[in-house]
Amino acid sequence: MRESVGVEGKRGSVVGRYYGATVSVVEDQGRPLRFTWNGRVYGVRRIIDHWVTLRMDWTPTVEPQVPERRHWRVEAGALEAQGVYELLHDTVSDQWLLSRVWD
């Protein structure tokens, strides 16, 4: 699923797309080093931002582990493509998603 959204930037409107695609991530102490998406490997050049949210469906009596979602906004690139990517790591499922792309 792809959905375009406008984000105000210094030079006008920058368009980002939502994906929700599963990606394979190589990490070091929880920080993404590189990820594979659509058969391409993207090396993380810089971490722009990082924040943590809680899943809204969490019930403490059912799930003892707090279900965090760790978001990483990174500058990354492959030989053919460079851009800004938002990766999401669900700590309960240990699944990584590519949630948003600005290229």
C-alpha atoms as a PDB file:
ATOM      1  CA  MET A   1       0.000   0.000   0.000  1.00  0.00           C
ATOM      2  CA  ARG A   2       1.367   3.418  -0.923  1.00  0.00           C
ATOM      3  CA  GLU A   3      -0.152   6.693   0.154  1.00  0.00           C
ATOM      4  CA  SER A   4       1.303  10.125  -0.600  1.00  0.00           C
ATOM      5  CA  VAL A   5       1.360  12.806   2.058  1.00  0.00           C
ATOM      6  CA  GLY A   6       2.679  16.343   2.043  1.00  0.00           C
ATOM      7  CA  VAL A   7       5.203  17.472   4.632  1.00  0.00           C
ATOM      8  CA  GLU A   8       6.263  21.080   4.961  1.00  0.00           C
ATOM      9  CA  GLY A   9       9.973  21.493   4.335  1.00  0.00           C
ATOM     10  CA  LYS A  10      12.296  24.462   4.116  1.00  0.00           C
ATOM     11  CA  ARG A  11      11.949  24.590   0.337  1.00  0.00           C
ATOM     12  CA  GLY A  12       8.201  23.969   0.101  1.00  0.00           C
ATOM     13  CA  SER A  13       6.279  20.720   0.191  1.00  0.00           C
ATOM     14  CA  VAL A  14       8.174  17.418   0.291  1.00  0.00           C
ATOM     15  CA  VAL A  15       6.229  14.260  -0.521  1.00  0.00           C
ATOM     16  CA  GLY A  16       6.666  11.102   1.535  1.00  0.00           C
ATOM     17  CA  ARG A  17       5.067   7.749   0.782  1.00  0.00           C
ATOM     18  CA  TYR A  18       3.765   5.199   3.299  1.00  0.00           C
ATOM     19  CA  TYR A  19       4.625   1.557   2.595  1.00  0.00           C
ATOM     20  CA  GLY A  20       4.318  -0.852   5.541  1.00  0.00           C
ATOM     21  CA  ALA A  21       6.629  -3.311   3.755  1.00  0.00           C
ATOM     22  CA  THR A  22       8.549  -5.967   5.682  1.00  0.00           C
ATOM     23  CA  VAL A  23      12.313  -5.458   5.415  1.00  0.00           C
ATOM     24  CA  SER A  24      15.358  -7.384   6.554  1.00  0.00           C
ATOM     25  CA  VAL A  25      17.574  -5.275   8.845  1.00  0.00           C
ATOM     26  CA  VAL A  26      21.136  -5.767  10.061  1.00  0.00           C
ATOM     27  CA  GLU A  27      21.488  -3.976  13.377  1.00  0.00           C
ATOM     28  CA  ASP A  28      24.107  -3.218  16.001  1.00  0.00           C
ATOM     29  CA  GLN A  29      22.761  -2.914  19.559  1.00  0.00           C
ATOM     30  CA  GLY A  30      19.294  -2.145  18.171  1.00  0.00           C
ATOM     31  CA  ARG A  31      20.475   0.520  15.702  1.00  0.00           C
ATOM     32  CA  PRO A  32      19.931  -0.245  12.003  1.00  0.00           C
ATOM     33  CA  LEU A  33      23.147  -0.511   9.956  1.00  0.00           C
ATOM     34  CA  ARG A  34      21.603  -1.598   6.644  1.00  0.00           C
ATOM     35  CA  PHE A  35      18.336  -2.984   5.335  1.00  0.00           C
ATOM     36  CA  THR A  36      17.152  -4.934   2.315  1.00  0.00           C
ATOM     37  CA  TRP A  37      14.026  -3.821   0.475  1.00  0.00           C
ATOM     38  CA  ASN A  38      12.827  -5.157  -2.893  1.00  0.00           C
ATOM     39  CA  GLY A  39      16.107  -7.030  -3.378  1.00  0.00           C
ATOM     40  CA  ARG A  40      18.308  -3.943  -2.850  1.00  0.00           C
ATOM     41  CA  VAL A  41      20.620  -3.373   0.097  1.00  0.00           C
ATOM     42  CA  TYR A  42      20.519   0.137   1.584  1.00  0.00           C
ATOM     43  CA  GLY A  43      23.394   1.190   3.818  1.00  0.00           C
ATOM     44  CA  VAL A  44      22.436   3.561   6.630  1.00  0.00           C
ATOM     45  CA  ARG A  45      24.612   6.647   6.268  1.00  0.00           C
ATOM     46  CA  ARG A  46      23.116   8.671   9.112  1.00  0.00           C
ATOM     47  CA  ILE A  47      20.436   8.356  11.785  1.00  0.00           C
ATOM     48  CA  ILE A  48      18.294  11.482  11.589  1.00  0.00           C
ATOM     49  CA  ASP A  49      15.834  10.740  14.394  1.00  0.00           C
ATOM     50  CA  HIS A  50      14.750   7.961  16.754  1.00  0.00           C
ATOM     51  CA  TRP A  51      11.642   7.663  18.945  1.00  0.00           C
ATOM     52  CA  VAL A  52       9.615   4.984  20.724  1.00  0.00           C
ATOM     53  CA  THR A  53       5.834   4.503  20.817  1.00  0.00           C
ATOM     54  CA  LEU A  54       3.629   1.912  22.513  1.00  0.00           C
ATOM     55  CA  ARG A  55       1.171  -0.246  20.620  1.00  0.00           C
ATOM     56  CA  MET A  56      -2.389   0.877  21.306  1.00  0.00           C
ATOM     57  CA  ASP A  57      -3.692  -2.710  21.588  1.00  0.00           C
ATOM     58  CA  TRP A  58      -1.505  -3.598  24.594  1.00  0.00           C
ATOM     59  CA  THR A  59      -3.181  -5.078  27.676  1.00  0.00           C
ATOM     60  CA  PRO A  60      -0.786  -5.483  30.657  1.00  0.00           C
ATOM     61  CA  THR A  61      -2.676  -8.470  32.074  1.00  0.00           C
ATOM     62  CA  VAL A  62      -2.411 -10.376  28.769  1.00  0.00           C
ATOM     63  CA  GLU A  63       1.080  -9.376  27.577  1.00  0.00           C
ATOM     64  CA  PRO A  64       3.744  -8.914  30.264  1.00  0.00           C
ATOM     65  CA  GLN A  65       6.242  -7.361  27.817  1.00  0.00           C
ATOM     66  CA  VAL A  66       5.573  -3.721  26.943  1.00  0.00           C
ATOM     67  CA  PRO A  67       5.032  -3.737  23.162  1.00  0.00           C
ATOM     68  CA  GLU A  68       7.294  -0.970  21.945  1.00  0.00           C
ATOM     69  CA  ARG A  69       7.589   0.228  18.403  1.00  0.00           C
ATOM     70  CA  ARG A  70      10.971   1.787  17.787  1.00  0.00           C
ATOM     71  CA  HIS A  71      11.035   4.248  14.908  1.00  0.00           C
ATOM     72  CA  TRP A  72      14.227   5.173  13.076  1.00  0.00           C
ATOM     73  CA  ARG A  73      14.382   7.924  10.462  1.00  0.00           C
ATOM     74  CA  VAL A  74      17.575   7.333   8.506  1.00  0.00           C
ATOM     75  CA  GLU A  75      19.440   8.612   5.506  1.00  0.00           C
ATOM     76  CA  ALA A  76      20.339   5.553   3.475  1.00  0.00           C
ATOM     77  CA  GLY A  77      21.273   4.555  -0.009  1.00  0.00           C
ATOM     78  CA  ALA A  78      22.116   1.936  -2.544  1.00  0.00           C
ATOM     79  CA  LEU A  79      24.099   2.547  -5.705  1.00  0.00           C
ATOM     80  CA  GLU A  80      20.922   3.404  -7.650  1.00  0.00           C
ATOM     81  CA  ALA A  81      18.842   5.114  -4.960  1.00  0.00           C
ATOM     82  CA  GLN A  82      19.401   7.434  -2.023  1.00  0.00           C
ATOM     83  CA  GLY A  83      16.862   9.027   0.272  1.00  0.00           C
ATOM     84  CA  VAL A  84      15.337   9.257   3.723  1.00  0.00           C
ATOM     85  CA  TYR A  85      13.599   6.173   5.102  1.00  0.00           C
ATOM     86  CA  GLU A  86      11.577   5.528   8.232  1.00  0.00           C
ATOM     87  CA  LEU A  87      12.079   2.059   9.687  1.00  0.00           C
ATOM     88  CA  LEU A  88       9.840   0.638  12.408  1.00  0.00           C
ATOM     89  CA  HIS A  89      10.848  -2.216  14.734  1.00  0.00           C
ATOM     90  CA  ASP A  90       8.098  -4.018  16.690  1.00  0.00           C
ATOM     91  CA  THR A  91       9.789  -5.431  19.808  1.00  0.00           C
ATOM     92  CA  VAL A  92       7.139  -8.098  20.456  1.00  0.00           C
ATOM     93  CA  SER A  93       7.133  -9.666  16.981  1.00  0.00           C
ATOM     94  CA  ASP A  94      10.788  -8.658  16.299  1.00  0.00           C
ATOM     95  CA  GLN A  95       9.585  -7.556  12.860  1.00  0.00           C
ATOM     96  CA  TRP A  96      11.026  -4.602  10.936  1.00  0.00           C
ATOM     97  CA  LEU A  97       8.893  -2.561   8.546  1.00  0.00           C
ATOM     98  CA  LEU A  98       9.716   0.169   6.077  1.00  0.00           C
ATOM     99  CA  SER A  99       6.966   2.572   7.017  1.00  0.00           C
ATOM    100  CA  ARG A 100       7.787   5.702   5.023  1.00  0.00           C
ATOM    101  CA  VAL A 101      10.081   6.918   2.234  1.00  0.00           C
ATOM    102  CA  TRP A 102      11.209  10.362   1.089  1.00  0.00           C
ATOM    103  CA  ASP A 103      13.331  10.217  -2.053  1.00  0.00           C
END
